[in-house]
Amino acid sequence: MSIGTGIVLFVIGAVLTFAVHIQNAVINLQLVGYILMGAGIVVFVIGLIFMLRKRQSVTTVQSGTDADGRTVTQHRTSVTPDDVP
């Protein structure tokens, strides 16, 4: 979602900077456009970092016997180390 938000901010900023030519004494639309383009780039890069960060998976194998004397093997896989008991 943040990648799309970054692209939208950049596009809105580019439109304000390069396509809108309204004389306004209260606010400088070109400056606002540059600020929005900068914010869009920052949000886009943060979104890429979160999307591409390395995920860990941990597999735990436990072997033992149950009450009847049968051998039992249990496999458990978790995505993050916090899920491991």
PDB file of N, CA and C in Angstrom:
ATOM      1  N   MET A   1       0.815  -1.185   0.000  1.00  0.00           N
ATOM      2  CA  MET A   1       0.000   0.000   0.000  1.00  0.00           C
ATOM      3  C   MET A   1       0.862   1.253   0.000  1.00  0.00           C
ATOM      4  N   SER A   2       1.976   1.229   0.715  1.00  0.00           N
ATOM      5  CA  SER A   2       2.797   2.431   0.786  1.00  0.00           C
ATOM      6  C   SER A   2       3.492   2.720  -0.543  1.00  0.00           C
ATOM      7  N   ILE A   3       3.733   1.681  -1.337  1.00  0.00           N
ATOM      8  CA  ILE A   3       4.334   1.915  -2.653  1.00  0.00           C
ATOM      9  C   ILE A   3       3.352   2.692  -3.532  1.00  0.00           C
ATOM     10  N   GLY A   4       2.103   2.302  -3.522  1.00  0.00           N
ATOM     11  CA  GLY A   4       1.083   3.018  -4.282  1.00  0.00           C
ATOM     12  C   GLY A   4       0.876   4.437  -3.772  1.00  0.00           C
ATOM     13  N   THR A   5       0.905   4.603  -2.464  1.00  0.00           N
ATOM     14  CA  THR A   5       0.767   5.939  -1.878  1.00  0.00           C
ATOM     15  C   THR A   5       1.923   6.831  -2.300  1.00  0.00           C
ATOM     16  N   GLY A   6       3.132   6.287  -2.315  1.00  0.00           N
ATOM     17  CA  GLY A   6       4.292   7.059  -2.757  1.00  0.00           C
ATOM     18  C   GLY A   6       4.178   7.496  -4.203  1.00  0.00           C
ATOM     19  N   ILE A   7       3.691   6.596  -5.056  1.00  0.00           N
ATOM     20  CA  ILE A   7       3.517   6.935  -6.471  1.00  0.00           C
ATOM     21  C   ILE A   7       2.454   8.016  -6.633  1.00  0.00           C
ATOM     22  N   VAL A   8       1.347   7.903  -5.897  1.00  0.00           N
ATOM     23  CA  VAL A   8       0.279   8.906  -5.983  1.00  0.00           C
ATOM     24  C   VAL A   8       0.775  10.264  -5.519  1.00  0.00           C
ATOM     25  N   LEU A   9       1.516  10.298  -4.405  1.00  0.00           N
ATOM     26  CA  LEU A   9       2.064  11.569  -3.927  1.00  0.00           C
ATOM     27  C   LEU A   9       3.000  12.183  -4.960  1.00  0.00           C
ATOM     28  N   PHE A  10       3.840  11.363  -5.565  1.00  0.00           N
ATOM     29  CA  PHE A  10       4.778  11.869  -6.568  1.00  0.00           C
ATOM     30  C   PHE A  10       4.034  12.433  -7.777  1.00  0.00           C
ATOM     31  N   VAL A  11       3.006  11.734  -8.237  1.00  0.00           N
ATOM     32  CA  VAL A  11       2.259  12.188  -9.409  1.00  0.00           C
ATOM     33  C   VAL A  11       1.520  13.489  -9.110  1.00  0.00           C
ATOM     34  N   ILE A  12       0.879  13.580  -7.956  1.00  0.00           N
ATOM     35  CA  ILE A  12       0.187  14.817  -7.591  1.00  0.00           C
ATOM     36  C   ILE A  12       1.177  15.968  -7.493  1.00  0.00           C
ATOM     37  N   GLY A  13       2.340  15.707  -6.898  1.00  0.00           N
ATOM     38  CA  GLY A  13       3.366  16.743  -6.811  1.00  0.00           C
ATOM     39  C   GLY A  13       3.870  17.178  -8.170  1.00  0.00           C
ATOM     40  N   ALA A  14       4.036  16.228  -9.085  1.00  0.00           N
ATOM     41  CA  ALA A  14       4.497  16.567 -10.435  1.00  0.00           C
ATOM     42  C   ALA A  14       3.455  17.395 -11.175  1.00  0.00           C
ATOM     43  N   VAL A  15       2.201  17.064 -10.994  1.00  0.00           N
ATOM     44  CA  VAL A  15       1.142  17.846 -11.637  1.00  0.00           C
ATOM     45  C   VAL A  15       1.134  19.267 -11.088  1.00  0.00           C
ATOM     46  N   LEU A  16       1.232  19.401  -9.776  1.00  0.00           N
ATOM     47  CA  LEU A  16       1.258  20.745  -9.192  1.00  0.00           C
ATOM     48  C   LEU A  16       2.481  21.530  -9.643  1.00  0.00           C
ATOM     49  N   THR A  17       3.609  20.865  -9.783  1.00  0.00           N
ATOM     50  CA  THR A  17       4.841  21.565 -10.142  1.00  0.00           C
ATOM     51  C   THR A  17       4.882  21.949 -11.609  1.00  0.00           C
ATOM     52  N   PHE A  18       4.530  21.033 -12.498  1.00  0.00           N
ATOM     53  CA  PHE A  18       4.779  21.241 -13.915  1.00  0.00           C
ATOM     54  C   PHE A  18       3.539  21.577 -14.744  1.00  0.00           C
ATOM     55  N   ALA A  19       2.329  21.273 -14.245  1.00  0.00           N
ATOM     56  CA  ALA A  19       1.151  21.445 -15.091  1.00  0.00           C
ATOM     57  C   ALA A  19       0.215  22.563 -14.636  1.00  0.00           C
ATOM     58  N   VAL A  20       0.261  22.927 -13.377  1.00  0.00           N
ATOM     59  CA  VAL A  20      -0.655  23.946 -12.866  1.00  0.00           C
ATOM     60  C   VAL A  20       0.080  25.279 -12.850  1.00  0.00           C
ATOM     61  N   HIS A  21      -0.493  26.266 -13.552  1.00  0.00           N
ATOM     62  CA  HIS A  21       0.109  27.598 -13.616  1.00  0.00           C
ATOM     63  C   HIS A  21      -0.909  28.631 -13.141  1.00  0.00           C
ATOM     64  N   ILE A  22      -1.161  28.631 -11.842  1.00  0.00           N
ATOM     65  CA  ILE A  22      -2.107  29.566 -11.245  1.00  0.00           C
ATOM     66  C   ILE A  22      -1.315  30.518 -10.357  1.00  0.00           C
ATOM     67  N   GLN A  23      -1.527  31.803 -10.532  1.00  0.00           N
ATOM     68  CA  GLN A  23      -0.881  32.797  -9.685  1.00  0.00           C
ATOM     69  C   GLN A  23      -1.646  32.869  -8.371  1.00  0.00           C
ATOM     70  N   ASN A  24      -0.940  32.607  -7.286  1.00  0.00           N
ATOM     71  CA  ASN A  24      -1.564  32.589  -5.980  1.00  0.00           C
ATOM     72  C   ASN A  24      -0.614  33.265  -5.001  1.00  0.00           C
ATOM     73  N   ALA A  25      -1.095  34.270  -4.275  1.00  0.00           N
ATOM     74  CA  ALA A  25      -0.243  34.989  -3.335  1.00  0.00           C
ATOM     75  C   ALA A  25      -0.155  34.293  -1.985  1.00  0.00           C
ATOM     76  N   VAL A  26      -1.041  33.355  -1.735  1.00  0.00           N
ATOM     77  CA  VAL A  26      -1.088  32.709  -0.428  1.00  0.00           C
ATOM     78  C   VAL A  26      -0.126  31.524  -0.350  1.00  0.00           C
ATOM     79  N   ILE A  27      -0.080  30.720  -1.396  1.00  0.00           N
ATOM     80  CA  ILE A  27       0.713  29.501  -1.358  1.00  0.00           C
ATOM     81  C   ILE A  27       1.447  29.331  -2.691  1.00  0.00           C
ATOM     82  N   ASN A  28       2.658  28.839  -2.631  1.00  0.00           N
ATOM     83  CA  ASN A  28       3.451  28.575  -3.827  1.00  0.00           C
ATOM     84  C   ASN A  28       3.211  27.121  -4.238  1.00  0.00           C
ATOM     85  N   LEU A  29       2.439  26.912  -5.303  1.00  0.00           N
ATOM     86  CA  LEU A  29       2.068  25.559  -5.716  1.00  0.00           C
ATOM     87  C   LEU A  29       3.261  24.760  -6.225  1.00  0.00           C
ATOM     88  N   GLN A  30       4.250  25.422  -6.806  1.00  0.00           N
ATOM     89  CA  GLN A  30       5.442  24.691  -7.243  1.00  0.00           C
ATOM     90  C   GLN A  30       6.197  24.122  -6.053  1.00  0.00           C
ATOM     91  N   LEU A  31       6.317  24.898  -4.990  1.00  0.00           N
ATOM     92  CA  LEU A  31       7.000  24.414  -3.789  1.00  0.00           C
ATOM     93  C   LEU A  31       6.235  23.240  -3.171  1.00  0.00           C
ATOM     94  N   VAL A  32       4.920  23.367  -3.109  1.00  0.00           N
ATOM     95  CA  VAL A  32       4.100  22.268  -2.584  1.00  0.00           C
ATOM     96  C   VAL A  32       4.277  21.019  -3.452  1.00  0.00           C
ATOM     97  N   GLY A  33       4.354  21.208  -4.753  1.00  0.00           N
ATOM     98  CA  GLY A  33       4.564  20.078  -5.653  1.00  0.00           C
ATOM     99  C   GLY A  33       5.900  19.400  -5.418  1.00  0.00           C
ATOM    100  N   TYR A  34       6.952  20.180  -5.250  1.00  0.00           N
ATOM    101  CA  TYR A  34       8.271  19.584  -4.961  1.00  0.00           C
ATOM    102  C   TYR A  34       8.267  18.847  -3.623  1.00  0.00           C
ATOM    103  N   ILE A  35       7.600  19.421  -2.643  1.00  0.00           N
ATOM    104  CA  ILE A  35       7.517  18.752  -1.333  1.00  0.00           C
ATOM    105  C   ILE A  35       6.768  17.429  -1.466  1.00  0.00           C
ATOM    106  N   LEU A  36       5.662  17.428  -2.207  1.00  0.00           N
ATOM    107  CA  LEU A  36       4.912  16.182  -2.395  1.00  0.00           C
ATOM    108  C   LEU A  36       5.713  15.147  -3.176  1.00  0.00           C
ATOM    109  N   MET A  37       6.475  15.582  -4.167  1.00  0.00           N
ATOM    110  CA  MET A  37       7.310  14.628  -4.909  1.00  0.00           C
ATOM    111  C   MET A  37       8.385  14.034  -4.002  1.00  0.00           C
ATOM    112  N   GLY A  38       8.993  14.853  -3.160  1.00  0.00           N
ATOM    113  CA  GLY A  38       9.987  14.334  -2.214  1.00  0.00           C
ATOM    114  C   GLY A  38       9.383  13.355  -1.225  1.00  0.00           C
ATOM    115  N   ALA A  39       8.203  13.698  -0.708  1.00  0.00           N
ATOM    116  CA  ALA A  39       7.525  12.789   0.222  1.00  0.00           C
ATOM    117  C   ALA A  39       7.141  11.494  -0.482  1.00  0.00           C
ATOM    118  N   GLY A  40       6.733  11.586  -1.744  1.00  0.00           N
ATOM    119  CA  GLY A  40       6.381  10.380  -2.493  1.00  0.00           C
ATOM    120  C   GLY A  40       7.567   9.457  -2.673  1.00  0.00           C
ATOM    121  N   ILE A  41       8.726  10.026  -2.947  1.00  0.00           N
ATOM    122  CA  ILE A  41       9.938   9.205  -3.095  1.00  0.00           C
ATOM    123  C   ILE A  41      10.288   8.523  -1.783  1.00  0.00           C
ATOM    124  N   VAL A  42      10.195   9.271  -0.680  1.00  0.00           N
ATOM    125  CA  VAL A  42      10.519   8.696   0.635  1.00  0.00           C
ATOM    126  C   VAL A  42       9.557   7.558   0.972  1.00  0.00           C
ATOM    127  N   VAL A  43       8.263   7.775   0.769  1.00  0.00           N
ATOM    128  CA  VAL A  43       7.274   6.730   1.072  1.00  0.00           C
ATOM    129  C   VAL A  43       7.479   5.520   0.170  1.00  0.00           C
ATOM    130  N   PHE A  44       7.799   5.744  -1.101  1.00  0.00           N
ATOM    131  CA  PHE A  44       8.044   4.646  -2.032  1.00  0.00           C
ATOM    132  C   PHE A  44       9.238   3.806  -1.589  1.00  0.00           C
ATOM    133  N   VAL A  45      10.332   4.457  -1.205  1.00  0.00           N
ATOM    134  CA  VAL A  45      11.537   3.733  -0.782  1.00  0.00           C
ATOM    135  C   VAL A  45      11.273   2.959   0.510  1.00  0.00           C
ATOM    136  N   ILE A  46      10.558   3.564   1.451  1.00  0.00           N
ATOM    137  CA  ILE A  46      10.229   2.853   2.693  1.00  0.00           C
ATOM    138  C   ILE A  46       9.358   1.635   2.388  1.00  0.00           C
ATOM    139  N   GLY A  47       8.415   1.778   1.469  1.00  0.00           N
ATOM    140  CA  GLY A  47       7.582   0.643   1.079  1.00  0.00           C
ATOM    141  C   GLY A  47       8.393  -0.478   0.447  1.00  0.00           C
ATOM    142  N   LEU A  48       9.371  -0.112  -0.394  1.00  0.00           N
ATOM    143  CA  LEU A  48      10.240  -1.136  -0.991  1.00  0.00           C
ATOM    144  C   LEU A  48      11.073  -1.849   0.072  1.00  0.00           C
ATOM    145  N   ILE A  49      11.582  -1.099   1.025  1.00  0.00           N
ATOM    146  CA  ILE A  49      12.395  -1.709   2.083  1.00  0.00           C
ATOM    147  C   ILE A  49      11.561  -2.707   2.872  1.00  0.00           C
ATOM    148  N   PHE A  50      10.340  -2.332   3.245  1.00  0.00           N
ATOM    149  CA  PHE A  50       9.490  -3.251   3.998  1.00  0.00           C
ATOM    150  C   PHE A  50       9.088  -4.464   3.163  1.00  0.00           C
ATOM    151  N   MET A  51       8.883  -4.272   1.871  1.00  0.00           N
ATOM    152  CA  MET A  51       8.471  -5.382   1.021  1.00  0.00           C
ATOM    153  C   MET A  51       9.618  -6.350   0.761  1.00  0.00           C
ATOM    154  N   LEU A  52      10.826  -5.833   0.604  1.00  0.00           N
ATOM    155  CA  LEU A  52      11.952  -6.668   0.204  1.00  0.00           C
ATOM    156  C   LEU A  52      12.808  -7.176   1.366  1.00  0.00           C
ATOM    157  N   ARG A  53      12.442  -6.808   2.583  1.00  0.00           N
ATOM    158  CA  ARG A  53      13.273  -7.263   3.698  1.00  0.00           C
ATOM    159  C   ARG A  53      13.209  -8.784   3.808  1.00  0.00           C
ATOM    160  N   LYS A  54      14.282  -9.328   4.280  1.00  0.00           N
ATOM    161  CA  LYS A  54      14.424 -10.778   4.327  1.00  0.00           C
ATOM    162  C   LYS A  54      13.550 -11.354   5.440  1.00  0.00           C
ATOM    163  N   ARG A  55      12.779 -12.347   5.071  1.00  0.00           N
ATOM    164  CA  ARG A  55      11.961 -13.046   6.062  1.00  0.00           C
ATOM    165  C   ARG A  55      12.665 -14.334   6.455  1.00  0.00           C
ATOM    166  N   GLN A  56      12.585 -14.664   7.712  1.00  0.00           N
ATOM    167  CA  GLN A  56      13.192 -15.890   8.196  1.00  0.00           C
ATOM    168  C   GLN A  56      12.116 -16.944   8.406  1.00  0.00           C
ATOM    169  N   SER A  57      12.483 -18.177   8.159  1.00  0.00           N
ATOM    170  CA  SER A  57      11.603 -19.272   8.529  1.00  0.00           C
ATOM    171  C   SER A  57      12.404 -20.246   9.378  1.00  0.00           C
ATOM    172  N   VAL A  58      11.786 -20.709  10.423  1.00  0.00           N
ATOM    173  CA  VAL A  58      12.433 -21.600  11.378  1.00  0.00           C
ATOM    174  C   VAL A  58      11.650 -22.905  11.388  1.00  0.00           C
ATOM    175  N   THR A  59      12.351 -24.012  11.246  1.00  0.00           N
ATOM    176  CA  THR A  59      11.716 -25.319  11.295  1.00  0.00           C
ATOM    177  C   THR A  59      12.212 -26.044  12.536  1.00  0.00           C
ATOM    178  N   THR A  60      11.276 -26.520  13.336  1.00  0.00           N
ATOM    179  CA  THR A  60      11.596 -27.245  14.562  1.00  0.00           C
ATOM    180  C   THR A  60      11.124 -28.685  14.402  1.00  0.00           C
ATOM    181  N   VAL A  61      12.004 -29.633  14.665  1.00  0.00           N
ATOM    182  CA  VAL A  61      11.664 -31.048  14.585  1.00  0.00           C
ATOM    183  C   VAL A  61      11.826 -31.643  15.970  1.00  0.00           C
ATOM    184  N   GLN A  62      10.753 -32.281  16.452  1.00  0.00           N
ATOM    185  CA  GLN A  62      10.796 -32.939  17.754  1.00  0.00           C
ATOM    186  C   GLN A  62      10.457 -34.407  17.560  1.00  0.00           C
ATOM    187  N   SER A  63      11.259 -35.273  18.157  1.00  0.00           N
ATOM    188  CA  SER A  63      11.012 -36.709  18.074  1.00  0.00           C
ATOM    189  C   SER A  63      10.838 -37.248  19.480  1.00  0.00           C
ATOM    190  N   GLY A  64      10.039 -38.258  19.581  1.00  0.00           N
ATOM    191  CA  GLY A  64       9.815 -38.877  20.880  1.00  0.00           C
ATOM    192  C   GLY A  64       8.879 -40.063  20.738  1.00  0.00           C
ATOM    193  N   THR A  65       8.414 -40.561  21.853  1.00  0.00           N
ATOM    194  CA  THR A  65       7.461 -41.678  21.836  1.00  0.00           C
ATOM    195  C   THR A  65       6.203 -41.243  22.561  1.00  0.00           C
ATOM    196  N   ASP A  66       5.074 -41.810  22.121  1.00  0.00           N
ATOM    197  CA  ASP A  66       3.822 -41.491  22.791  1.00  0.00           C
ATOM    198  C   ASP A  66       3.554 -42.515  23.886  1.00  0.00           C
ATOM    199  N   ALA A  67       2.372 -42.483  24.463  1.00  0.00           N
ATOM    200  CA  ALA A  67       2.033 -43.363  25.585  1.00  0.00           C
ATOM    201  C   ALA A  67       2.001 -44.833  25.180  1.00  0.00           C
ATOM    202  N   ASP A  68       1.751 -45.128  23.913  1.00  0.00           N
ATOM    203  CA  ASP A  68       1.692 -46.516  23.447  1.00  0.00           C
ATOM    204  C   ASP A  68       3.057 -47.042  23.019  1.00  0.00           C
ATOM    205  N   GLY A  69       4.101 -46.239  23.084  1.00  0.00           N
ATOM    206  CA  GLY A  69       5.428 -46.681  22.706  1.00  0.00           C
ATOM    207  C   GLY A  69       5.767 -46.442  21.247  1.00  0.00           C
ATOM    208  N   ARG A  70       4.894 -45.771  20.499  1.00  0.00           N
ATOM    209  CA  ARG A  70       5.157 -45.492  19.091  1.00  0.00           C
ATOM    210  C   ARG A  70       6.034 -44.257  18.966  1.00  0.00           C
ATOM    211  N   THR A  71       6.878 -44.252  17.935  1.00  0.00           N
ATOM    212  CA  THR A  71       7.738 -43.107  17.684  1.00  0.00           C
ATOM    213  C   THR A  71       6.930 -42.010  16.992  1.00  0.00           C
ATOM    214  N   VAL A  72       7.040 -40.804  17.526  1.00  0.00           N
ATOM    215  CA  VAL A  72       6.292 -39.663  16.990  1.00  0.00           C
ATOM    216  C   VAL A  72       7.293 -38.587  16.599  1.00  0.00           C
ATOM    217  N   THR A  73       7.141 -38.066  15.378  1.00  0.00           N
ATOM    218  CA  THR A  73       7.972 -36.964  14.910  1.00  0.00           C
ATOM    219  C   THR A  73       7.060 -35.792  14.584  1.00  0.00           C
ATOM    220  N   GLN A  74       7.376 -34.636  15.142  1.00  0.00           N
ATOM    221  CA  GLN A  74       6.551 -33.445  14.925  1.00  0.00           C
ATOM    222  C   GLN A  74       7.393 -32.386  14.217  1.00  0.00           C
ATOM    223  N   HIS A  75       6.900 -31.860  13.091  1.00  0.00           N
ATOM    224  CA  HIS A  75       7.557 -30.795  12.340  1.00  0.00           C
ATOM    225  C   HIS A  75       6.748 -29.522  12.524  1.00  0.00           C
ATOM    226  N   ARG A  76       7.421 -28.432  12.817  1.00  0.00           N
ATOM    227  CA  ARG A  76       6.747 -27.149  12.976  1.00  0.00           C
ATOM    228  C   ARG A  76       7.559 -26.080  12.268  1.00  0.00           C
ATOM    229  N   THR A  77       6.912 -25.314  11.401  1.00  0.00           N
ATOM    230  CA  THR A  77       7.578 -24.239  10.677  1.00  0.00           C
ATOM    231  C   THR A  77       6.913 -22.926  11.036  1.00  0.00           C
ATOM    232  N   SER A  78       7.731 -21.922  11.353  1.00  0.00           N
ATOM    233  CA  SER A  78       7.199 -20.599  11.647  1.00  0.00           C
ATOM    234  C   SER A  78       7.912 -19.572  10.768  1.00  0.00           C
ATOM    235  N   VAL A  79       7.227 -18.483  10.459  1.00  0.00           N
ATOM    236  CA  VAL A  79       7.775 -17.472   9.560  1.00  0.00           C
ATOM    237  C   VAL A  79       8.778 -16.588  10.266  1.00  0.00           C
ATOM    238  N   THR A  80       8.511 -16.243  11.494  1.00  0.00           N
ATOM    239  CA  THR A  80       9.423 -15.382  12.247  1.00  0.00           C
ATOM    240  C   THR A  80       9.897 -16.114  13.491  1.00  0.00           C
ATOM    241  N   PRO A  81      11.043 -15.741  14.020  1.00  0.00           N
ATOM    242  CA  PRO A  81      11.536 -16.407  15.218  1.00  0.00           C
ATOM    243  C   PRO A  81      10.631 -16.210  16.431  1.00  0.00           C
ATOM    244  N   ASP A  82       9.762 -15.213  16.420  1.00  0.00           N
ATOM    245  CA  ASP A  82       8.871 -14.982  17.556  1.00  0.00           C
ATOM    246  C   ASP A  82       7.796 -16.047  17.669  1.00  0.00           C
ATOM    247  N   ASP A  83       7.512 -16.771  16.575  1.00  0.00           N
ATOM    248  CA  ASP A  83       6.472 -17.793  16.592  1.00  0.00           C
ATOM    249  C   ASP A  83       6.942 -19.116  17.178  1.00  0.00           C
ATOM    250  N   VAL A  84       8.236 -19.263  17.419  1.00  0.00           N
ATOM    251  CA  VAL A  84       8.779 -20.522  17.918  1.00  0.00           C
ATOM    252  C   VAL A  84       8.505 -20.606  19.414  1.00  0.00           C
ATOM    253  N   PRO A  85       7.950 -21.717  19.883  1.00  0.00           N
ATOM    254  CA  PRO A  85       7.666 -21.850  21.329  1.00  0.00           C
ATOM    255  C   PRO A  85       8.915 -22.023  22.147  1.00  0.00           C
TER     256      PRO A  85
END
